[in-house]
Amino acid sequence: MKRKLFGSAVILFGLILLANPIFSFAQSMSIGIANFYAISGDDITDGAIISFANNEYGVSKLAYDPQVIGVIAEDPAVVLEIAPQGRDGEDPLYPVVSSGSVRVKVSNINGNIRAGDSIAASEIEGVGMRASQAGFVIGQSLDDFSAEDSNDIGIINVSLNLHYAYSGEAIARSLKDILNLSVLATYESPSVIFRYVVAGGIVLISLTLGFFSFGRIAKTGVEALGRNPLAHKMIQFGIFLNVLITIAIIGAGLAIGYLILAF
């Protein structure tokens, strides 16, 4: 019992040390599990974003790089002592964290970074940036970063979560572009817009008439069968003919709409 209490106290004390900001080592340690990878290239330093390309591991070089595997962490919380991944014996091994909280090299090449912003790889080798469009991101910023020069590189804490993210800004911008193009088309080609409106109206009317006719036929047929079950064959045949007429109405509306747009 005493051993269990002592072990619990040690674990609790360790968690307090990690969470308490007055201890400087907690500020620089990455809270994550690291795997060793054989990485080729230069400038492979703490916080560099690593990706897999051309059958080898190296620092990321593409904006919104979809092949990012993690971030270099010189002082990870846990290191897995397993067979290293990569090309054995050719490149030095580096600890790479793929999940958890880790320090990441960033720049403001795509604007200043605020806590909560999504972070993606940038065109600067191994350096992240604020994500402003849909694409592959490495996680969410836990700190702010700003600089006068976009070439200045800083390092911030990032909660890693490698995934493809959809940007609300990009969606809103796309909808705005569609609206602007529609307005422009109305001014430049009013006859084309008129044809689309007429074709759409005809198709809508034919569909409405078709569904209304089908509903009426179904109701009348069920009532007729209930009143005169002996004449069910004739009633069914009449329902079938009316269904064909309904299909013909809808088909005619679609055909007319197509002809208006095609010629």
C-alpha atoms as a PDB file:
ATOM      1  CA  MET A   1       0.000   0.000   0.000  1.00  0.00           C
ATOM      2  CA  LYS A   2       2.826   2.394   0.908  1.00  0.00           C
ATOM      3  CA  ARG A   3       4.602   1.615  -2.373  1.00  0.00           C
ATOM      4  CA  LYS A   4       1.464   2.453  -4.344  1.00  0.00           C
ATOM      5  CA  LEU A   5       1.057   5.747  -2.496  1.00  0.00           C
ATOM      6  CA  PHE A   6       4.717   6.599  -3.035  1.00  0.00           C
ATOM      7  CA  GLY A   7       4.474   5.781  -6.751  1.00  0.00           C
ATOM      8  CA  SER A   8       1.351   7.903  -7.150  1.00  0.00           C
ATOM      9  CA  ALA A   9       3.033  10.797  -5.369  1.00  0.00           C
ATOM     10  CA  VAL A  10       6.062  10.594  -7.688  1.00  0.00           C
ATOM     11  CA  ILE A  11       3.850  10.579 -10.784  1.00  0.00           C
ATOM     12  CA  LEU A  12       1.814  13.522  -9.473  1.00  0.00           C
ATOM     13  CA  PHE A  13       4.973  15.479  -8.683  1.00  0.00           C
ATOM     14  CA  GLY A  14       6.317  14.799 -12.162  1.00  0.00           C
ATOM     15  CA  LEU A  15       3.113  16.053 -13.777  1.00  0.00           C
ATOM     16  CA  ILE A  16       3.265  19.225 -11.665  1.00  0.00           C
ATOM     17  CA  LEU A  17       6.852  19.814 -12.799  1.00  0.00           C
ATOM     18  CA  LEU A  18       5.867  19.482 -16.437  1.00  0.00           C
ATOM     19  CA  ALA A  19       2.883  21.797 -16.092  1.00  0.00           C
ATOM     20  CA  ASN A  20       4.572  24.470 -13.974  1.00  0.00           C
ATOM     21  CA  PRO A  21       5.959  27.266 -16.216  1.00  0.00           C
ATOM     22  CA  ILE A  22       8.587  28.333 -13.663  1.00  0.00           C
ATOM     23  CA  PHE A  23      10.739  25.401 -14.657  1.00  0.00           C
ATOM     24  CA  SER A  24      12.659  26.329 -17.776  1.00  0.00           C
ATOM     25  CA  PHE A  25      13.138  22.778 -19.014  1.00  0.00           C
ATOM     26  CA  ALA A  26       9.375  22.393 -19.437  1.00  0.00           C
ATOM     27  CA  GLN A  27       9.450  25.305 -21.853  1.00  0.00           C
ATOM     28  CA  SER A  28      11.857  23.624 -24.263  1.00  0.00           C
ATOM     29  CA  MET A  29      10.852  19.969 -24.017  1.00  0.00           C
ATOM     30  CA  SER A  30       8.518  18.503 -26.638  1.00  0.00           C
ATOM     31  CA  ILE A  31       5.597  16.598 -25.152  1.00  0.00           C
ATOM     32  CA  GLY A  32       5.463  13.734 -27.603  1.00  0.00           C
ATOM     33  CA  ILE A  33       6.821  10.332 -28.577  1.00  0.00           C
ATOM     34  CA  ALA A  34       9.753  10.370 -30.990  1.00  0.00           C
ATOM     35  CA  ASN A  35      10.820   7.781 -33.547  1.00  0.00           C
ATOM     36  CA  PHE A  36      14.264   7.784 -35.150  1.00  0.00           C
ATOM     37  CA  TYR A  37      14.459   8.432 -38.884  1.00  0.00           C
ATOM     38  CA  ALA A  38      17.459   8.497 -41.201  1.00  0.00           C
ATOM     39  CA  ILE A  39      17.209  12.003 -42.681  1.00  0.00           C
ATOM     40  CA  SER A  40      19.252  13.416 -45.549  1.00  0.00           C
ATOM     41  CA  GLY A  41      19.985  17.051 -46.313  1.00  0.00           C
ATOM     42  CA  ASP A  42      21.229  20.160 -44.556  1.00  0.00           C
ATOM     43  CA  ASP A  43      19.875  22.427 -41.806  1.00  0.00           C
ATOM     44  CA  ILE A  44      18.270  19.538 -39.922  1.00  0.00           C
ATOM     45  CA  THR A  45      17.804  21.274 -36.587  1.00  0.00           C
ATOM     46  CA  ASP A  46      15.372  21.262 -33.701  1.00  0.00           C
ATOM     47  CA  GLY A  47      11.893  22.255 -34.878  1.00  0.00           C
ATOM     48  CA  ALA A  48      12.469  21.492 -38.578  1.00  0.00           C
ATOM     49  CA  ILE A  49       9.468  20.029 -40.427  1.00  0.00           C
ATOM     50  CA  ILE A  50      10.275  16.653 -41.999  1.00  0.00           C
ATOM     51  CA  SER A  51       8.582  15.030 -44.990  1.00  0.00           C
ATOM     52  CA  PHE A  52       9.026  11.934 -47.138  1.00  0.00           C
ATOM     53  CA  ALA A  53       9.744  12.471 -50.826  1.00  0.00           C
ATOM     54  CA  ASN A  54      11.697  10.691 -53.548  1.00  0.00           C
ATOM     55  CA  ASN A  55      11.989   7.619 -51.344  1.00  0.00           C
ATOM     56  CA  GLU A  56      13.867   9.452 -48.581  1.00  0.00           C
ATOM     57  CA  TYR A  57      13.247  11.600 -45.529  1.00  0.00           C
ATOM     58  CA  GLY A  58      14.270  15.247 -45.558  1.00  0.00           C
ATOM     59  CA  VAL A  59      13.184  18.751 -44.584  1.00  0.00           C
ATOM     60  CA  SER A  60       9.936  19.897 -46.203  1.00  0.00           C
ATOM     61  CA  LYS A  61      10.271  22.204 -49.220  1.00  0.00           C
ATOM     62  CA  LEU A  62       6.683  22.599 -50.432  1.00  0.00           C
ATOM     63  CA  ALA A  63       3.907  24.835 -49.168  1.00  0.00           C
ATOM     64  CA  TYR A  64       1.154  22.697 -47.623  1.00  0.00           C
ATOM     65  CA  ASP A  65       3.372  19.643 -48.138  1.00  0.00           C
ATOM     66  CA  PRO A  66       1.061  16.590 -47.923  1.00  0.00           C
ATOM     67  CA  GLN A  67       3.935  14.209 -47.188  1.00  0.00           C
ATOM     68  CA  VAL A  68       4.959  15.712 -43.844  1.00  0.00           C
ATOM     69  CA  ILE A  69       5.607  13.015 -41.227  1.00  0.00           C
ATOM     70  CA  GLY A  70       6.537  15.134 -38.202  1.00  0.00           C
ATOM     71  CA  VAL A  71       8.970  17.579 -36.617  1.00  0.00           C
ATOM     72  CA  ILE A  72      12.538  17.223 -35.347  1.00  0.00           C
ATOM     73  CA  ALA A  73      12.534  17.225 -31.531  1.00  0.00           C
ATOM     74  CA  GLU A  74      15.956  17.178 -29.901  1.00  0.00           C
ATOM     75  CA  ASP A  75      14.447  16.809 -26.443  1.00  0.00           C
ATOM     76  CA  PRO A  76      11.286  14.682 -26.733  1.00  0.00           C
ATOM     77  CA  ALA A  77       9.392  13.439 -23.702  1.00  0.00           C
ATOM     78  CA  VAL A  78       9.646   9.795 -24.827  1.00  0.00           C
ATOM     79  CA  VAL A  79      11.948   8.075 -27.326  1.00  0.00           C
ATOM     80  CA  LEU A  80      11.088   4.674 -28.750  1.00  0.00           C
ATOM     81  CA  GLU A  81      14.185   2.500 -28.961  1.00  0.00           C
ATOM     82  CA  ILE A  82      13.146   0.536 -32.036  1.00  0.00           C
ATOM     83  CA  ALA A  83      14.706  -0.199 -35.397  1.00  0.00           C
ATOM     84  CA  PRO A  84      15.267   3.161 -37.106  1.00  0.00           C
ATOM     85  CA  GLN A  85      13.209   3.941 -40.180  1.00  0.00           C
ATOM     86  CA  GLY A  86      14.842   5.097 -43.391  1.00  0.00           C
ATOM     87  CA  ARG A  87      18.013   4.121 -45.222  1.00  0.00           C
ATOM     88  CA  ASP A  88      20.166   2.311 -42.670  1.00  0.00           C
ATOM     89  CA  GLY A  89      23.760   3.455 -42.400  1.00  0.00           C
ATOM     90  CA  GLU A  90      23.650   6.215 -45.035  1.00  0.00           C
ATOM     91  CA  ASP A  91      22.136   9.190 -43.183  1.00  0.00           C
ATOM     92  CA  PRO A  92      22.295  10.251 -39.530  1.00  0.00           C
ATOM     93  CA  LEU A  93      19.344   9.451 -37.316  1.00  0.00           C
ATOM     94  CA  TYR A  94      17.117  12.143 -35.831  1.00  0.00           C
ATOM     95  CA  PRO A  95      14.204  11.935 -33.385  1.00  0.00           C
ATOM     96  CA  VAL A  96      10.945  12.934 -35.088  1.00  0.00           C
ATOM     97  CA  VAL A  97       7.695  13.600 -33.249  1.00  0.00           C
ATOM     98  CA  SER A  98       4.404  13.051 -35.130  1.00  0.00           C
ATOM     99  CA  SER A  99       1.884  13.832 -32.400  1.00  0.00           C
ATOM    100  CA  GLY A 100       1.720  15.825 -29.191  1.00  0.00           C
ATOM    101  CA  SER A 101       3.060  19.284 -28.430  1.00  0.00           C
ATOM    102  CA  VAL A 102       6.347  20.183 -30.135  1.00  0.00           C
ATOM    103  CA  ARG A 103       8.423  23.260 -30.920  1.00  0.00           C
ATOM    104  CA  VAL A 104       8.309  24.140 -34.635  1.00  0.00           C
ATOM    105  CA  LYS A 105      10.339  26.581 -36.737  1.00  0.00           C
ATOM    106  CA  VAL A 106       8.056  29.175 -38.355  1.00  0.00           C
ATOM    107  CA  SER A 107       8.097  32.431 -40.306  1.00  0.00           C
ATOM    108  CA  ASN A 108       5.477  35.066 -41.077  1.00  0.00           C
ATOM    109  CA  ILE A 109       5.841  34.583 -44.843  1.00  0.00           C
ATOM    110  CA  ASN A 110       2.058  34.105 -44.925  1.00  0.00           C
ATOM    111  CA  GLY A 111       1.197  36.607 -42.207  1.00  0.00           C
ATOM    112  CA  ASN A 112       1.710  36.847 -38.469  1.00  0.00           C
ATOM    113  CA  ILE A 113       0.770  33.800 -36.443  1.00  0.00           C
ATOM    114  CA  ARG A 114      -1.691  33.849 -33.577  1.00  0.00           C
ATOM    115  CA  ALA A 115      -2.439  31.146 -31.044  1.00  0.00           C
ATOM    116  CA  GLY A 116      -5.083  28.867 -32.559  1.00  0.00           C
ATOM    117  CA  ASP A 117      -3.965  29.337 -36.181  1.00  0.00           C
ATOM    118  CA  SER A 118      -3.405  26.252 -38.294  1.00  0.00           C
ATOM    119  CA  ILE A 119       0.241  25.733 -39.242  1.00  0.00           C
ATOM    120  CA  ALA A 120       1.386  24.271 -42.562  1.00  0.00           C
ATOM    121  CA  ALA A 121       4.736  23.645 -44.205  1.00  0.00           C
ATOM    122  CA  SER A 122       6.041  26.543 -46.287  1.00  0.00           C
ATOM    123  CA  GLU A 123       8.415  26.921 -49.232  1.00  0.00           C
ATOM    124  CA  ILE A 124      11.181  27.759 -46.764  1.00  0.00           C
ATOM    125  CA  GLU A 125      12.942  24.472 -46.066  1.00  0.00           C
ATOM    126  CA  GLY A 126      11.794  22.884 -42.828  1.00  0.00           C
ATOM    127  CA  VAL A 127       9.863  25.995 -41.735  1.00  0.00           C
ATOM    128  CA  GLY A 128       6.141  26.343 -41.104  1.00  0.00           C
ATOM    129  CA  MET A 129       3.730  29.205 -41.745  1.00  0.00           C
ATOM    130  CA  ARG A 130       0.163  30.266 -41.011  1.00  0.00           C
ATOM    131  CA  ALA A 131      -2.267  28.249 -43.137  1.00  0.00           C
ATOM    132  CA  SER A 132      -4.726  30.491 -44.988  1.00  0.00           C
ATOM    133  CA  GLN A 133      -6.248  28.076 -47.500  1.00  0.00           C
ATOM    134  CA  ALA A 134      -7.374  24.502 -47.792  1.00  0.00           C
ATOM    135  CA  GLY A 135      -4.452  22.098 -47.671  1.00  0.00           C
ATOM    136  CA  PHE A 136      -2.360  19.768 -45.544  1.00  0.00           C
ATOM    137  CA  VAL A 137      -1.542  21.206 -42.114  1.00  0.00           C
ATOM    138  CA  ILE A 138       0.680  19.921 -39.327  1.00  0.00           C
ATOM    139  CA  GLY A 139      -1.334  21.207 -36.375  1.00  0.00           C
ATOM    140  CA  GLN A 140      -2.445  24.224 -34.394  1.00  0.00           C
ATOM    141  CA  SER A 141      -0.282  27.014 -33.009  1.00  0.00           C
ATOM    142  CA  LEU A 142      -0.121  27.406 -29.242  1.00  0.00           C
ATOM    143  CA  ASP A 143       1.819  30.705 -29.367  1.00  0.00           C
ATOM    144  CA  ASP A 144       1.908  34.004 -31.231  1.00  0.00           C
ATOM    145  CA  PHE A 145       4.673  34.912 -33.676  1.00  0.00           C
ATOM    146  CA  SER A 146       5.321  38.123 -35.550  1.00  0.00           C
ATOM    147  CA  ALA A 147       8.347  39.618 -37.287  1.00  0.00           C
ATOM    148  CA  GLU A 148       9.122  42.645 -39.450  1.00  0.00           C
ATOM    149  CA  ASP A 149      10.966  40.553 -42.030  1.00  0.00           C
ATOM    150  CA  SER A 150       9.427  37.422 -43.551  1.00  0.00           C
ATOM    151  CA  ASN A 151      12.912  35.925 -43.671  1.00  0.00           C
ATOM    152  CA  ASP A 152      13.118  35.957 -39.869  1.00  0.00           C
ATOM    153  CA  ILE A 153      12.687  32.475 -38.431  1.00  0.00           C
ATOM    154  CA  GLY A 154      11.253  31.864 -34.980  1.00  0.00           C
ATOM    155  CA  ILE A 155      10.165  28.828 -33.027  1.00  0.00           C
ATOM    156  CA  ILE A 156       6.775  28.297 -31.386  1.00  0.00           C
ATOM    157  CA  ASN A 157       4.886  25.505 -29.680  1.00  0.00           C
ATOM    158  CA  VAL A 158       2.483  23.617 -31.932  1.00  0.00           C
ATOM    159  CA  SER A 159      -0.041  20.933 -31.104  1.00  0.00           C
ATOM    160  CA  LEU A 160       0.644  18.415 -33.859  1.00  0.00           C
ATOM    161  CA  ASN A 161      -2.284  16.984 -35.793  1.00  0.00           C
ATOM    162  CA  LEU A 162      -1.279  16.031 -39.332  1.00  0.00           C
ATOM    163  CA  HIS A 163      -4.345  16.230 -41.566  1.00  0.00           C
ATOM    164  CA  TYR A 164      -5.967  17.895 -44.548  1.00  0.00           C
ATOM    165  CA  ALA A 165      -7.884  21.009 -43.496  1.00  0.00           C
ATOM    166  CA  TYR A 166     -10.650  22.857 -45.284  1.00  0.00           C
ATOM    167  CA  SER A 167     -10.440  26.629 -45.012  1.00  0.00           C
ATOM    168  CA  GLY A 168     -13.562  28.697 -44.358  1.00  0.00           C
ATOM    169  CA  GLU A 169     -11.798  31.664 -45.963  1.00  0.00           C
ATOM    170  CA  ALA A 170     -11.188  29.683 -49.151  1.00  0.00           C
ATOM    171  CA  ILE A 171     -14.810  28.517 -49.325  1.00  0.00           C
ATOM    172  CA  ALA A 172     -16.130  32.046 -48.777  1.00  0.00           C
ATOM    173  CA  ARG A 173     -13.731  33.376 -51.402  1.00  0.00           C
ATOM    174  CA  SER A 174     -14.874  30.738 -53.908  1.00  0.00           C
ATOM    175  CA  LEU A 175     -18.541  31.566 -53.334  1.00  0.00           C
ATOM    176  CA  LYS A 176     -17.800  35.257 -53.764  1.00  0.00           C
ATOM    177  CA  ASP A 177     -15.973  34.537 -57.025  1.00  0.00           C
ATOM    178  CA  ILE A 178     -18.949  32.536 -58.307  1.00  0.00           C
ATOM    179  CA  LEU A 179     -21.303  35.395 -57.452  1.00  0.00           C
ATOM    180  CA  ASN A 180     -19.052  37.944 -59.147  1.00  0.00           C
ATOM    181  CA  LEU A 181     -18.817  35.816 -62.281  1.00  0.00           C
ATOM    182  CA  SER A 182     -22.592  35.423 -62.347  1.00  0.00           C
ATOM    183  CA  VAL A 183     -23.123  39.171 -62.129  1.00  0.00           C
ATOM    184  CA  LEU A 184     -20.489  39.764 -64.816  1.00  0.00           C
ATOM    185  CA  ALA A 185     -22.132  37.222 -67.106  1.00  0.00           C
ATOM    186  CA  THR A 186     -25.491  38.940 -66.634  1.00  0.00           C
ATOM    187  CA  TYR A 187     -24.064  42.235 -67.896  1.00  0.00           C
ATOM    188  CA  GLU A 188     -21.938  40.834 -70.701  1.00  0.00           C
ATOM    189  CA  SER A 189     -24.249  38.101 -72.033  1.00  0.00           C
ATOM    190  CA  PRO A 190     -27.856  38.839 -71.019  1.00  0.00           C
ATOM    191  CA  SER A 191     -29.236  36.595 -73.796  1.00  0.00           C
ATOM    192  CA  VAL A 192     -27.335  33.594 -72.442  1.00  0.00           C
ATOM    193  CA  ILE A 193     -28.606  34.227 -68.932  1.00  0.00           C
ATOM    194  CA  PHE A 194     -32.147  34.586 -70.285  1.00  0.00           C
ATOM    195  CA  ARG A 195     -31.855  31.225 -72.033  1.00  0.00           C
ATOM    196  CA  TYR A 196     -30.718  29.558 -68.812  1.00  0.00           C
ATOM    197  CA  VAL A 197     -33.604  31.119 -66.896  1.00  0.00           C
ATOM    198  CA  VAL A 198     -36.168  30.010 -69.501  1.00  0.00           C
ATOM    199  CA  ALA A 199     -34.712  26.502 -69.717  1.00  0.00           C
ATOM    200  CA  GLY A 200     -34.664  26.185 -65.943  1.00  0.00           C
ATOM    201  CA  GLY A 201     -38.259  27.410 -65.695  1.00  0.00           C
ATOM    202  CA  ILE A 202     -39.484  24.887 -68.267  1.00  0.00           C
ATOM    203  CA  VAL A 203     -37.695  22.022 -66.553  1.00  0.00           C
ATOM    204  CA  LEU A 204     -39.076  23.068 -63.157  1.00  0.00           C
ATOM    205  CA  ILE A 205     -42.633  23.315 -64.534  1.00  0.00           C
ATOM    206  CA  SER A 206     -42.407  19.895 -66.207  1.00  0.00           C
ATOM    207  CA  LEU A 207     -41.123  18.274 -63.012  1.00  0.00           C
ATOM    208  CA  THR A 208     -43.895  19.902 -60.978  1.00  0.00           C
ATOM    209  CA  LEU A 209     -46.590  18.769 -63.440  1.00  0.00           C
ATOM    210  CA  GLY A 210     -45.080  15.294 -63.582  1.00  0.00           C
ATOM    211  CA  PHE A 211     -45.001  14.759 -59.819  1.00  0.00           C
ATOM    212  CA  PHE A 212     -48.474  16.290 -59.393  1.00  0.00           C
ATOM    213  CA  SER A 213     -49.854  14.021 -62.105  1.00  0.00           C
ATOM    214  CA  PHE A 214     -48.147  10.950 -60.613  1.00  0.00           C
ATOM    215  CA  GLY A 215     -49.554  11.676 -57.153  1.00  0.00           C
ATOM    216  CA  ARG A 216     -53.064  12.152 -58.511  1.00  0.00           C
ATOM    217  CA  ILE A 217     -52.834   8.949 -60.574  1.00  0.00           C
ATOM    218  CA  ALA A 218     -51.615   6.909 -57.604  1.00  0.00           C
ATOM    219  CA  LYS A 219     -54.430   8.182 -55.366  1.00  0.00           C
ATOM    220  CA  THR A 220     -57.144   7.632 -58.010  1.00  0.00           C
ATOM    221  CA  GLY A 221     -55.865   4.151 -58.854  1.00  0.00           C
ATOM    222  CA  VAL A 222     -55.895   2.992 -55.226  1.00  0.00           C
ATOM    223  CA  GLU A 223     -59.450   4.314 -54.760  1.00  0.00           C
ATOM    224  CA  ALA A 224     -60.608   2.623 -57.987  1.00  0.00           C
ATOM    225  CA  LEU A 225     -59.113  -0.703 -56.952  1.00  0.00           C
ATOM    226  CA  GLY A 226     -60.885  -0.449 -53.597  1.00  0.00           C
ATOM    227  CA  ARG A 227     -64.279   0.240 -55.220  1.00  0.00           C
ATOM    228  CA  ASN A 228     -64.040  -2.332 -58.035  1.00  0.00           C
ATOM    229  CA  PRO A 229     -61.433  -5.048 -57.326  1.00  0.00           C
ATOM    230  CA  LEU A 230     -62.773  -7.243 -60.158  1.00  0.00           C
ATOM    231  CA  ALA A 231     -61.610  -4.732 -62.764  1.00  0.00           C
ATOM    232  CA  HIS A 232     -58.111  -4.574 -61.365  1.00  0.00           C
ATOM    233  CA  LYS A 233     -56.454  -5.425 -64.691  1.00  0.00           C
ATOM    234  CA  MET A 234     -58.050  -2.527 -66.545  1.00  0.00           C
ATOM    235  CA  ILE A 235     -57.350  -0.180 -63.644  1.00  0.00           C
ATOM    236  CA  GLN A 236     -53.693  -1.240 -63.507  1.00  0.00           C
ATOM    237  CA  PHE A 237     -53.403  -0.783 -67.266  1.00  0.00           C
ATOM    238  CA  GLY A 238     -54.859   2.732 -66.967  1.00  0.00           C
ATOM    239  CA  ILE A 239     -52.409   3.568 -64.170  1.00  0.00           C
ATOM    240  CA  PHE A 240     -49.536   2.293 -66.328  1.00  0.00           C
ATOM    241  CA  LEU A 241     -50.606   4.499 -69.253  1.00  0.00           C
ATOM    242  CA  ASN A 242     -50.869   7.544 -66.999  1.00  0.00           C
ATOM    243  CA  VAL A 243     -47.386   6.847 -65.583  1.00  0.00           C
ATOM    244  CA  LEU A 244     -46.031   6.771 -69.134  1.00  0.00           C
ATOM    245  CA  ILE A 245     -47.733  10.113 -69.814  1.00  0.00           C
ATOM    246  CA  THR A 246     -46.118  11.538 -66.663  1.00  0.00           C
ATOM    247  CA  ILE A 247     -42.686  10.347 -67.781  1.00  0.00           C
ATOM    248  CA  ALA A 248     -43.326  11.831 -71.218  1.00  0.00           C
ATOM    249  CA  ILE A 249     -44.190  15.210 -69.676  1.00  0.00           C
ATOM    250  CA  ILE A 250     -40.997  15.295 -67.637  1.00  0.00           C
ATOM    251  CA  GLY A 251     -38.918  14.058 -70.572  1.00  0.00           C
ATOM    252  CA  ALA A 252     -40.398  16.685 -72.870  1.00  0.00           C
ATOM    253  CA  GLY A 253     -39.572  19.431 -70.393  1.00  0.00           C
ATOM    254  CA  LEU A 254     -35.968  18.230 -70.106  1.00  0.00           C
ATOM    255  CA  ALA A 255     -35.661  17.955 -73.891  1.00  0.00           C
ATOM    256  CA  ILE A 256     -37.009  21.450 -74.450  1.00  0.00           C
ATOM    257  CA  GLY A 257     -34.668  22.861 -71.839  1.00  0.00           C
ATOM    258  CA  TYR A 258     -31.716  21.146 -73.484  1.00  0.00           C
ATOM    259  CA  LEU A 259     -32.680  22.435 -76.939  1.00  0.00           C
ATOM    260  CA  ILE A 260     -32.964  26.002 -75.618  1.00  0.00           C
ATOM    261  CA  LEU A 261     -29.429  25.836 -74.210  1.00  0.00           C
ATOM    262  CA  ALA A 262     -27.925  23.943 -77.139  1.00  0.00           C
ATOM    263  CA  PHE A 263     -29.166  26.186 -79.964  1.00  0.00           C
END
